PDB file of N, CA and C in Angstrom:
ATOM      1  N   MET A   1       0.841  -1.180   0.000  1.00  0.00           N
ATOM      2  CA  MET A   1       0.000   0.000   0.000  1.00  0.00           C
ATOM      3  C   MET A   1       0.890   1.248   0.000  1.00  0.00           C
ATOM      4  N   PRO A   2       0.745   2.128  -0.993  1.00  0.00           N
ATOM      5  CA  PRO A   2       1.548   3.346  -1.053  1.00  0.00           C
ATOM      6  C   PRO A   2       1.307   4.261   0.152  1.00  0.00           C
ATOM      7  N   LYS A   3       2.347   4.974   0.565  1.00  0.00           N
ATOM      8  CA  LYS A   3       2.250   5.893   1.692  1.00  0.00           C
ATOM      9  C   LYS A   3       1.644   7.232   1.284  1.00  0.00           C
ATOM     10  N   ILE A   4       1.997   7.728   0.099  1.00  0.00           N
ATOM     11  CA  ILE A   4       1.600   9.088  -0.267  1.00  0.00           C
ATOM     12  C   ILE A   4       1.131   9.219  -1.718  1.00  0.00           C
ATOM     13  N   LEU A   5       1.691   8.445  -2.615  1.00  0.00           N
ATOM     14  CA  LEU A   5       1.354   8.577  -4.028  1.00  0.00           C
ATOM     15  C   LEU A   5       0.098   7.786  -4.383  1.00  0.00           C
ATOM     16  N   THR A   6      -0.602   8.288  -5.389  1.00  0.00           N
ATOM     17  CA  THR A   6      -1.761   7.571  -5.911  1.00  0.00           C
ATOM     18  C   THR A   6      -1.282   6.552  -6.946  1.00  0.00           C
ATOM     19  N   GLY A   7      -2.153   5.644  -7.295  1.00  0.00           N
ATOM     20  CA  GLY A   7      -1.831   4.684  -8.346  1.00  0.00           C
ATOM     21  C   GLY A   7      -1.502   5.391  -9.656  1.00  0.00           C
ATOM     22  N   ALA A   8      -2.231   6.477  -9.961  1.00  0.00           N
ATOM     23  CA  ALA A   8      -1.971   7.226 -11.196  1.00  0.00           C
ATOM     24  C   ALA A   8      -0.584   7.865 -11.178  1.00  0.00           C
ATOM     25  N   GLN A   9      -0.138   8.360 -10.018  1.00  0.00           N
ATOM     26  CA  GLN A   9       1.193   8.957  -9.922  1.00  0.00           C
ATOM     27  C   GLN A   9       2.286   7.902 -10.086  1.00  0.00           C
ATOM     28  N   ILE A  10       2.070   6.741  -9.518  1.00  0.00           N
ATOM     29  CA  ILE A  10       3.042   5.657  -9.671  1.00  0.00           C
ATOM     30  C   ILE A  10       3.111   5.234 -11.136  1.00  0.00           C
ATOM     31  N   GLU A  11       1.978   5.148 -11.799  1.00  0.00           N
ATOM     32  CA  GLU A  11       1.955   4.820 -13.222  1.00  0.00           C
ATOM     33  C   GLU A  11       2.644   5.911 -14.037  1.00  0.00           C
ATOM     34  N   GLN A  12       2.427   7.180 -13.682  1.00  0.00           N
ATOM     35  CA  GLN A  12       3.103   8.291 -14.375  1.00  0.00           C
ATOM     36  C   GLN A  12       4.618   8.130 -14.272  1.00  0.00           C
ATOM     37  N   TYR A  13       5.105   7.764 -13.084  1.00  0.00           N
ATOM     38  CA  TYR A  13       6.542   7.558 -12.896  1.00  0.00           C
ATOM     39  C   TYR A  13       7.047   6.415 -13.780  1.00  0.00           C
ATOM     40  N   ARG A  14       6.316   5.338 -13.801  1.00  0.00           N
ATOM     41  CA  ARG A  14       6.733   4.183 -14.615  1.00  0.00           C
ATOM     42  C   ARG A  14       6.731   4.518 -16.107  1.00  0.00           C
ATOM     43  N   ARG A  15       5.769   5.326 -16.513  1.00  0.00           N
ATOM     44  CA  ARG A  15       5.636   5.698 -17.923  1.00  0.00           C
ATOM     45  C   ARG A  15       6.594   6.816 -18.330  1.00  0.00           C
ATOM     46  N   ASP A  16       6.689   7.871 -17.484  1.00  0.00           N
ATOM     47  CA  ASP A  16       7.403   9.092 -17.871  1.00  0.00           C
ATOM     48  C   ASP A  16       8.734   9.305 -17.152  1.00  0.00           C
ATOM     49  N   GLY A  17       8.976   8.547 -16.071  1.00  0.00           N
ATOM     50  CA  GLY A  17      10.229   8.698 -15.340  1.00  0.00           C
ATOM     51  C   GLY A  17      10.233   9.818 -14.323  1.00  0.00           C
ATOM     52  N   HIS A  18       9.077  10.409 -14.066  1.00  0.00           N
ATOM     53  CA  HIS A  18       8.976  11.462 -13.050  1.00  0.00           C
ATOM     54  C   HIS A  18       7.547  11.548 -12.539  1.00  0.00           C
ATOM     55  N   VAL A  19       7.393  12.181 -11.387  1.00  0.00           N
ATOM     56  CA  VAL A  19       6.073  12.445 -10.814  1.00  0.00           C
ATOM     57  C   VAL A  19       5.975  13.955 -10.622  1.00  0.00           C
ATOM     58  N   SER A  20       4.938  14.536 -11.172  1.00  0.00           N
ATOM     59  CA  SER A  20       4.760  15.979 -11.063  1.00  0.00           C
ATOM     60  C   SER A  20       3.282  16.299 -11.162  1.00  0.00           C
ATOM     61  N   PRO A  21       2.796  17.175 -10.313  1.00  0.00           N
ATOM     62  CA  PRO A  21       3.493  17.840  -9.207  1.00  0.00           C
ATOM     63  C   PRO A  21       3.511  16.967  -7.956  1.00  0.00           C
ATOM     64  N   LEU A  22       4.431  17.287  -7.060  1.00  0.00           N
ATOM     65  CA  LEU A  22       4.510  16.631  -5.766  1.00  0.00           C
ATOM     66  C   LEU A  22       4.727  17.717  -4.718  1.00  0.00           C
ATOM     67  N   ARG A  23       3.793  17.873  -3.811  1.00  0.00           N
ATOM     68  CA  ARG A  23       3.927  18.891  -2.770  1.00  0.00           C
ATOM     69  C   ARG A  23       4.676  18.274  -1.590  1.00  0.00           C
ATOM     70  N   ALA A  24       5.930  18.691  -1.422  1.00  0.00           N
ATOM     71  CA  ALA A  24       6.766  18.153  -0.357  1.00  0.00           C
ATOM     72  C   ALA A  24       6.671  18.986   0.919  1.00  0.00           C
ATOM     73  N   PHE A  25       6.362  20.279   0.765  1.00  0.00           N
ATOM     74  CA  PHE A  25       6.191  21.160   1.920  1.00  0.00           C
ATOM     75  C   PHE A  25       5.363  22.365   1.491  1.00  0.00           C
ATOM     76  N   GLY A  26       4.939  23.147   2.457  1.00  0.00           N
ATOM     77  CA  GLY A  26       4.056  24.274   2.193  1.00  0.00           C
ATOM     78  C   GLY A  26       4.766  25.477   1.592  1.00  0.00           C
ATOM     79  N   ALA A  27       3.969  26.473   1.217  1.00  0.00           N
ATOM     80  CA  ALA A  27       4.486  27.663   0.540  1.00  0.00           C
ATOM     81  C   ALA A  27       5.477  28.435   1.408  1.00  0.00           C
ATOM     82  N   ASP A  28       5.191  28.583   2.695  1.00  0.00           N
ATOM     83  CA  ASP A  28       6.109  29.322   3.569  1.00  0.00           C
ATOM     84  C   ASP A  28       7.461  28.630   3.666  1.00  0.00           C
ATOM     85  N   GLU A  29       7.448  27.312   3.797  1.00  0.00           N
ATOM     86  CA  GLU A  29       8.692  26.569   3.880  1.00  0.00           C
ATOM     87  C   GLU A  29       9.444  26.636   2.542  1.00  0.00           C
ATOM     88  N   ALA A  30       8.725  26.583   1.431  1.00  0.00           N
ATOM     89  CA  ALA A  30       9.357  26.697   0.109  1.00  0.00           C
ATOM     90  C   ALA A  30      10.025  28.058  -0.043  1.00  0.00           C
ATOM     91  N   ARG A  31       9.346  29.117   0.393  1.00  0.00           N
ATOM     92  CA  ARG A  31       9.945  30.460   0.333  1.00  0.00           C
ATOM     93  C   ARG A  31      11.200  30.548   1.192  1.00  0.00           C
ATOM     94  N   ALA A  32      11.173  29.923   2.356  1.00  0.00           N
ATOM     95  CA  ALA A  32      12.338  29.940   3.249  1.00  0.00           C
ATOM     96  C   ALA A  32      13.521  29.198   2.605  1.00  0.00           C
ATOM     97  N   TYR A  33      13.260  28.055   1.965  1.00  0.00           N
ATOM     98  CA  TYR A  33      14.339  27.332   1.282  1.00  0.00           C
ATOM     99  C   TYR A  33      14.868  28.135   0.095  1.00  0.00           C
ATOM    100  N   ARG A  34      13.979  28.804  -0.621  1.00  0.00           N
ATOM    101  CA  ARG A  34      14.435  29.642  -1.740  1.00  0.00           C
ATOM    102  C   ARG A  34      15.326  30.769  -1.228  1.00  0.00           C
ATOM    103  N   ALA A  35      14.958  31.374  -0.114  1.00  0.00           N
ATOM    104  CA  ALA A  35      15.779  32.449   0.458  1.00  0.00           C
ATOM    105  C   ALA A  35      17.163  31.928   0.837  1.00  0.00           C
ATOM    106  N   ARG A  36      17.219  30.723   1.379  1.00  0.00           N
ATOM    107  CA  ARG A  36      18.510  30.136   1.749  1.00  0.00           C
ATOM    108  C   ARG A  36      19.338  29.800   0.507  1.00  0.00           C
ATOM    109  N   LEU A  37      18.700  29.299  -0.533  1.00  0.00           N
ATOM    110  CA  LEU A  37      19.381  29.060  -1.808  1.00  0.00           C
ATOM    111  C   LEU A  37      19.951  30.363  -2.350  1.00  0.00           C
ATOM    112  N   GLU A  38      19.133  31.400  -2.395  1.00  0.00           N
ATOM    113  CA  GLU A  38      19.582  32.676  -2.931  1.00  0.00           C
ATOM    114  C   GLU A  38      20.703  33.277  -2.094  1.00  0.00           C
ATOM    115  N   ALA A  39      20.659  33.098  -0.772  1.00  0.00           N
ATOM    116  CA  ALA A  39      21.748  33.570   0.091  1.00  0.00           C
ATOM    117  C   ALA A  39      23.035  32.812  -0.231  1.00  0.00           C
ATOM    118  N   SER A  40      22.937  31.515  -0.465  1.00  0.00           N
ATOM    119  CA  SER A  40      24.110  30.723  -0.843  1.00  0.00           C
ATOM    120  C   SER A  40      24.686  31.211  -2.163  1.00  0.00           C
ATOM    121  N   GLU A  41      23.820  31.513  -3.116  1.00  0.00           N
ATOM    122  CA  GLU A  41      24.295  31.989  -4.419  1.00  0.00           C
ATOM    123  C   GLU A  41      24.936  33.372  -4.310  1.00  0.00           C
ATOM    124  N   ARG A  42      24.404  34.231  -3.452  1.00  0.00           N
ATOM    125  CA  ARG A  42      25.029  35.540  -3.250  1.00  0.00           C
ATOM    126  C   ARG A  42      26.427  35.382  -2.650  1.00  0.00           C
ATOM    127  N   GLN A  43      26.559  34.440  -1.736  1.00  0.00           N
ATOM    128  CA  GLN A  43      27.836  34.255  -1.054  1.00  0.00           C
ATOM    129  C   GLN A  43      28.858  33.501  -1.909  1.00  0.00           C
ATOM    130  N   PHE A  44      28.412  32.462  -2.627  1.00  0.00           N
ATOM    131  CA  PHE A  44      29.340  31.578  -3.324  1.00  0.00           C
ATOM    132  C   PHE A  44      29.212  31.604  -4.850  1.00  0.00           C
ATOM    133  N   GLY A  45      28.256  32.336  -5.380  1.00  0.00           N
ATOM    134  CA  GLY A  45      28.015  32.361  -6.819  1.00  0.00           C
ATOM    135  C   GLY A  45      26.918  31.379  -7.198  1.00  0.00           C
ATOM    136  N   PRO A  46      26.434  31.495  -8.434  1.00  0.00           N
ATOM    137  CA  PRO A  46      25.339  30.626  -8.888  1.00  0.00           C
ATOM    138  C   PRO A  46      25.726  29.149  -8.831  1.00  0.00           C
ATOM    139  N   LEU A  47      24.767  28.316  -8.449  1.00  0.00           N
ATOM    140  CA  LEU A  47      24.994  26.876  -8.456  1.00  0.00           C
ATOM    141  C   LEU A  47      24.992  26.390  -9.898  1.00  0.00           C
ATOM    142  N   SER A  48      26.003  25.630 -10.253  1.00  0.00           N
ATOM    143  CA  SER A  48      26.053  24.999 -11.560  1.00  0.00           C
ATOM    144  C   SER A  48      26.801  23.686 -11.406  1.00  0.00           C
ATOM    145  N   VAL A  49      26.616  22.802 -12.336  1.00  0.00           N
ATOM    146  CA  VAL A  49      27.246  21.487 -12.252  1.00  0.00           C
ATOM    147  C   VAL A  49      28.759  21.682 -12.154  1.00  0.00           C
ATOM    148  N   GLY A  50      29.343  21.064 -11.144  1.00  0.00           N
ATOM    149  CA  GLY A  50      30.767  21.195 -10.903  1.00  0.00           C
ATOM    150  C   GLY A  50      31.140  22.410 -10.065  1.00  0.00           C
ATOM    151  N   GLN A  51      30.182  23.297  -9.824  1.00  0.00           N
ATOM    152  CA  GLN A  51      30.434  24.515  -9.054  1.00  0.00           C
ATOM    153  C   GLN A  51      29.401  24.661  -7.939  1.00  0.00           C
ATOM    154  N   GLY A  52      29.252  23.648  -7.122  1.00  0.00           N
ATOM    155  CA  GLY A  52      28.283  23.687  -6.037  1.00  0.00           C
ATOM    156  C   GLY A  52      26.916  23.155  -6.416  1.00  0.00           C
ATOM    157  N   GLY A  53      26.698  22.888  -7.694  1.00  0.00           N
ATOM    158  CA  GLY A  53      25.415  22.351  -8.130  1.00  0.00           C
ATOM    159  C   GLY A  53      25.370  20.837  -8.113  1.00  0.00           C
ATOM    160  N   SER A  54      26.506  20.207  -7.867  1.00  0.00           N
ATOM    161  CA  SER A  54      26.584  18.750  -7.760  1.00  0.00           C
ATOM    162  C   SER A  54      26.864  18.377  -6.314  1.00  0.00           C
ATOM    163  N   LYS A  55      26.198  17.344  -5.840  1.00  0.00           N
ATOM    164  CA  LYS A  55      26.295  16.925  -4.431  1.00  0.00           C
ATOM    165  C   LYS A  55      25.976  18.099  -3.498  1.00  0.00           C
ATOM    166  N   THR A  56      24.992  18.859  -3.898  1.00  0.00           N
ATOM    167  CA  THR A  56      24.588  20.052  -3.164  1.00  0.00           C
ATOM    168  C   THR A  56      24.227  19.732  -1.720  1.00  0.00           C
ATOM    169  N   HIS A  57      23.656  18.566  -1.494  1.00  0.00           N
ATOM    170  CA  HIS A  57      23.243  18.160  -0.151  1.00  0.00           C
ATOM    171  C   HIS A  57      24.422  17.986   0.796  1.00  0.00           C
ATOM    172  N   VAL A  58      25.633  17.818   0.261  1.00  0.00           N
ATOM    173  CA  VAL A  58      26.830  17.695   1.087  1.00  0.00           C
ATOM    174  C   VAL A  58      27.374  19.083   1.434  1.00  0.00           C
ATOM    175  N   LEU A  59      27.121  20.057   0.564  1.00  0.00           N
ATOM    176  CA  LEU A  59      27.671  21.403   0.733  1.00  0.00           C
ATOM    177  C   LEU A  59      26.787  22.336   1.551  1.00  0.00           C
ATOM    178  N   TYR A  60      25.472  22.165   1.465  1.00  0.00           N
ATOM    179  CA  TYR A  60      24.543  23.116   2.071  1.00  0.00           C
ATOM    180  C   TYR A  60      23.529  22.397   2.959  1.00  0.00           C
ATOM    181  N   THR A  61      23.375  22.878   4.192  1.00  0.00           N
ATOM    182  CA  THR A  61      22.421  22.242   5.112  1.00  0.00           C
ATOM    183  C   THR A  61      20.996  22.342   4.599  1.00  0.00           C
ATOM    184  N   TRP A  62      20.642  23.430   3.916  1.00  0.00           N
ATOM    185  CA  TRP A  62      19.270  23.569   3.424  1.00  0.00           C
ATOM    186  C   TRP A  62      18.956  22.490   2.389  1.00  0.00           C
ATOM    187  N   ALA A  63      19.922  22.111   1.554  1.00  0.00           N
ATOM    188  CA  ALA A  63      19.685  21.052   0.566  1.00  0.00           C
ATOM    189  C   ALA A  63      19.570  19.694   1.256  1.00  0.00           C
ATOM    190  N   ASP A  64      20.392  19.472   2.282  1.00  0.00           N
ATOM    191  CA  ASP A  64      20.310  18.241   3.053  1.00  0.00           C
ATOM    192  C   ASP A  64      18.940  18.123   3.729  1.00  0.00           C
ATOM    193  N   GLU A  65      18.420  19.235   4.245  1.00  0.00           N
ATOM    194  CA  GLU A  65      17.086  19.224   4.868  1.00  0.00           C
ATOM    195  C   GLU A  65      16.009  18.873   3.849  1.00  0.00           C
ATOM    196  N   ILE A  66      16.122  19.425   2.640  1.00  0.00           N
ATOM    197  CA  ILE A  66      15.120  19.159   1.609  1.00  0.00           C
ATOM    198  C   ILE A  66      15.068  17.674   1.272  1.00  0.00           C
ATOM    199  N   ILE A  67      16.227  17.031   1.098  1.00  0.00           N
ATOM    200  CA  ILE A  67      16.204  15.619   0.700  1.00  0.00           C
ATOM    201  C   ILE A  67      15.734  14.705   1.818  1.00  0.00           C
ATOM    202  N   ARG A  68      15.642  15.233   3.035  1.00  0.00           N
ATOM    203  CA  ARG A  68      15.165  14.436   4.175  1.00  0.00           C
ATOM    204  C   ARG A  68      13.711  14.754   4.554  1.00  0.00           C
ATOM    205  N   THR A  69      13.026  15.535   3.726  1.00  0.00           N
ATOM    206  CA  THR A  69      11.628  15.890   3.968  1.00  0.00           C
ATOM    207  C   THR A  69      10.761  14.628   3.918  1.00  0.00           C
ATOM    208  N   SER A  70       9.949  14.436   4.937  1.00  0.00           N
ATOM    209  CA  SER A  70       9.146  13.208   5.062  1.00  0.00           C
ATOM    210  C   SER A  70       8.295  12.919   3.833  1.00  0.00           C
ATOM    211  N   ALA A  71       7.597  13.918   3.325  1.00  0.00           N
ATOM    212  CA  ALA A  71       6.724  13.687   2.170  1.00  0.00           C
ATOM    213  C   ALA A  71       7.526  13.255   0.953  1.00  0.00           C
ATOM    214  N   LEU A  72       8.697  13.826   0.763  1.00  0.00           N
ATOM    215  CA  LEU A  72       9.553  13.441  -0.356  1.00  0.00           C
ATOM    216  C   LEU A  72      10.049  12.006  -0.191  1.00  0.00           C
ATOM    217  N   LEU A  73      10.514  11.680   1.003  1.00  0.00           N
ATOM    218  CA  LEU A  73      10.989  10.317   1.257  1.00  0.00           C
ATOM    219  C   LEU A  73       9.866   9.292   1.132  1.00  0.00           C
ATOM    220  N   ASP A  74       8.676   9.640   1.608  1.00  0.00           N
ATOM    221  CA  ASP A  74       7.541   8.725   1.479  1.00  0.00           C
ATOM    222  C   ASP A  74       7.209   8.468   0.009  1.00  0.00           C
ATOM    223  N   ALA A  75       7.249   9.518  -0.807  1.00  0.00           N
ATOM    224  CA  ALA A  75       6.961   9.359  -2.233  1.00  0.00           C
ATOM    225  C   ALA A  75       8.014   8.480  -2.904  1.00  0.00           C
ATOM    226  N   ILE A  76       9.272   8.706  -2.568  1.00  0.00           N
ATOM    227  CA  ILE A  76      10.345   7.886  -3.143  1.00  0.00           C
ATOM    228  C   ILE A  76      10.193   6.433  -2.711  1.00  0.00           C
ATOM    229  N   GLU A  77       9.838   6.229  -1.448  1.00  0.00           N
ATOM    230  CA  GLU A  77       9.615   4.860  -0.967  1.00  0.00           C
ATOM    231  C   GLU A  77       8.486   4.180  -1.734  1.00  0.00           C
ATOM    232  N   ASP A  78       7.449   4.937  -2.063  1.00  0.00           N
ATOM    233  CA  ASP A  78       6.355   4.372  -2.862  1.00  0.00           C
ATOM    234  C   ASP A  78       6.844   3.878  -4.222  1.00  0.00           C
ATOM    235  N   LEU A  79       7.899   4.500  -4.736  1.00  0.00           N
ATOM    236  CA  LEU A  79       8.400   4.160  -6.065  1.00  0.00           C
ATOM    237  C   LEU A  79       9.471   3.087  -6.063  1.00  0.00           C
ATOM    238  N   ILE A  80      10.400   3.136  -5.080  1.00  0.00           N
ATOM    239  CA  ILE A  80      11.547   2.222  -5.130  1.00  0.00           C
ATOM    240  C   ILE A  80      11.717   1.367  -3.879  1.00  0.00           C
ATOM    241  N   GLY A  81      10.889   1.588  -2.881  1.00  0.00           N
ATOM    242  CA  GLY A  81      11.018   0.833  -1.642  1.00  0.00           C
ATOM    243  C   GLY A  81      11.774   1.622  -0.584  1.00  0.00           C
ATOM    244  N   PRO A  82      11.937   1.038   0.607  1.00  0.00           N
ATOM    245  CA  PRO A  82      12.463   1.782   1.754  1.00  0.00           C
ATOM    246  C   PRO A  82      13.989   1.931   1.802  1.00  0.00           C
ATOM    247  N   ASP A  83      14.707   1.253   0.941  1.00  0.00           N
ATOM    248  CA  ASP A  83      16.171   1.317   0.968  1.00  0.00           C
ATOM    249  C   ASP A  83      16.626   2.488   0.088  1.00  0.00           C
ATOM    250  N   ILE A  84      16.679   3.691   0.670  1.00  0.00           N
ATOM    251  CA  ILE A  84      16.933   4.924  -0.079  1.00  0.00           C
ATOM    252  C   ILE A  84      18.303   5.469   0.295  1.00  0.00           C
ATOM    253  N   LEU A  85      19.099   5.801  -0.708  1.00  0.00           N
ATOM    254  CA  LEU A  85      20.401   6.430  -0.516  1.00  0.00           C
ATOM    255  C   LEU A  85      20.541   7.547  -1.537  1.00  0.00           C
ATOM    256  N   VAL A  86      20.843   8.741  -1.072  1.00  0.00           N
ATOM    257  CA  VAL A  86      21.117   9.846  -1.991  1.00  0.00           C
ATOM    258  C   VAL A  86      22.626   9.909  -2.165  1.00  0.00           C
ATOM    259  N   TYR A  87      23.074   9.564  -3.351  1.00  0.00           N
ATOM    260  CA  TYR A  87      24.503   9.610  -3.656  1.00  0.00           C
ATOM    261  C   TYR A  87      24.846  10.907  -4.381  1.00  0.00           C
ATOM    262  N   GLN A  88      23.987  11.295  -5.304  1.00  0.00           N
ATOM    263  CA  GLN A  88      24.242  12.466  -6.133  1.00  0.00           C
ATOM    264  C   GLN A  88      22.987  13.318  -6.196  1.00  0.00           C
ATOM    265  N   LEU A  89      23.127  14.579  -5.882  1.00  0.00           N
ATOM    266  CA  LEU A  89      22.039  15.544  -6.053  1.00  0.00           C
ATOM    267  C   LEU A  89      22.582  16.648  -6.933  1.00  0.00           C
ATOM    268  N   THR A  90      22.052  16.763  -8.130  1.00  0.00           N
ATOM    269  CA  THR A  90      22.474  17.828  -9.034  1.00  0.00           C
ATOM    270  C   THR A  90      21.321  18.794  -9.195  1.00  0.00           C
ATOM    271  N   MET A  91      21.596  20.054  -8.973  1.00  0.00           N
ATOM    272  CA  MET A  91      20.572  21.093  -9.099  1.00  0.00           C
ATOM    273  C   MET A  91      20.778  21.825 -10.423  1.00  0.00           C
ATOM    274  N   TRP A  92      19.764  21.802 -11.248  1.00  0.00           N
ATOM    275  CA  TRP A  92      19.767  22.531 -12.514  1.00  0.00           C
ATOM    276  C   TRP A  92      18.811  23.698 -12.323  1.00  0.00           C
ATOM    277  N   ILE A  93      19.338  24.847 -12.029  1.00  0.00           N
ATOM    278  CA  ILE A  93      18.508  26.005 -11.713  1.00  0.00           C
ATOM    279  C   ILE A  93      18.362  26.868 -12.963  1.00  0.00           C
ATOM    280  N   LYS A  94      17.126  27.078 -13.377  1.00  0.00           N
ATOM    281  CA  LYS A  94      16.834  27.909 -14.542  1.00  0.00           C
ATOM    282  C   LYS A  94      16.123  29.163 -14.059  1.00  0.00           C
ATOM    283  N   PRO A  95      16.817  30.307 -14.133  1.00  0.00           N
ATOM    284  CA  PRO A  95      16.186  31.556 -13.689  1.00  0.00           C
ATOM    285  C   PRO A  95      14.959  31.895 -14.531  1.00  0.00           C
ATOM    286  N   ALA A  96      14.050  32.641 -13.924  1.00  0.00           N
ATOM    287  CA  ALA A  96      12.845  33.083 -14.644  1.00  0.00           C
ATOM    288  C   ALA A  96      13.254  33.877 -15.882  1.00  0.00           C
ATOM    289  N   ARG A  97      12.492  33.712 -16.940  1.00  0.00           N
ATOM    290  CA  ARG A  97      12.688  34.410 -18.205  1.00  0.00           C
ATOM    291  C   ARG A  97      14.020  34.076 -18.891  1.00  0.00           C
ATOM    292  N   ASP A  98      14.649  32.984 -18.520  1.00  0.00           N
ATOM    293  CA  ASP A  98      15.869  32.516 -19.168  1.00  0.00           C
ATOM    294  C   ASP A  98      15.456  31.748 -20.423  1.00  0.00           C
ATOM    295  N   ASP A  99      16.127  31.971 -21.527  1.00  0.00           N
ATOM    296  CA  ASP A  99      15.767  31.326 -22.784  1.00  0.00           C
ATOM    297  C   ASP A  99      16.216  29.867 -22.882  1.00  0.00           C
ATOM    298  N   ALA A 100      17.047  29.421 -21.945  1.00  0.00           N
ATOM    299  CA  ALA A 100      17.541  28.041 -21.996  1.00  0.00           C
ATOM    300  C   ALA A 100      16.381  27.060 -21.907  1.00  0.00           C
ATOM    301  N   ILE A 101      16.515  25.957 -22.588  1.00  0.00           N
ATOM    302  CA  ILE A 101      15.459  24.924 -22.569  1.00  0.00           C
ATOM    303  C   ILE A 101      15.663  24.002 -21.415  1.00  0.00           C
TER     304      ILE A 101
END
């Protein structure tokens, strides 16, 4: 029995390789994490692959907190089971109004 995902969401993952949308936390908490991300970028520069955008959860406590969010872990468990290990977290951040695809 799934903890958080519906049968349709599990099927979407099997078909498309992702589940969207998934609400892992509320709007206030999301704003707080965004503020911490932006503070990190002001201090260390924009996150990009090889420049703080890879293994982000090892570099920043806010990223480590995000990957340990109960709703996120429950959803992942619904998809792959309870043996979860985050080895690599790569953040691909696309600023608003950026032409990149």
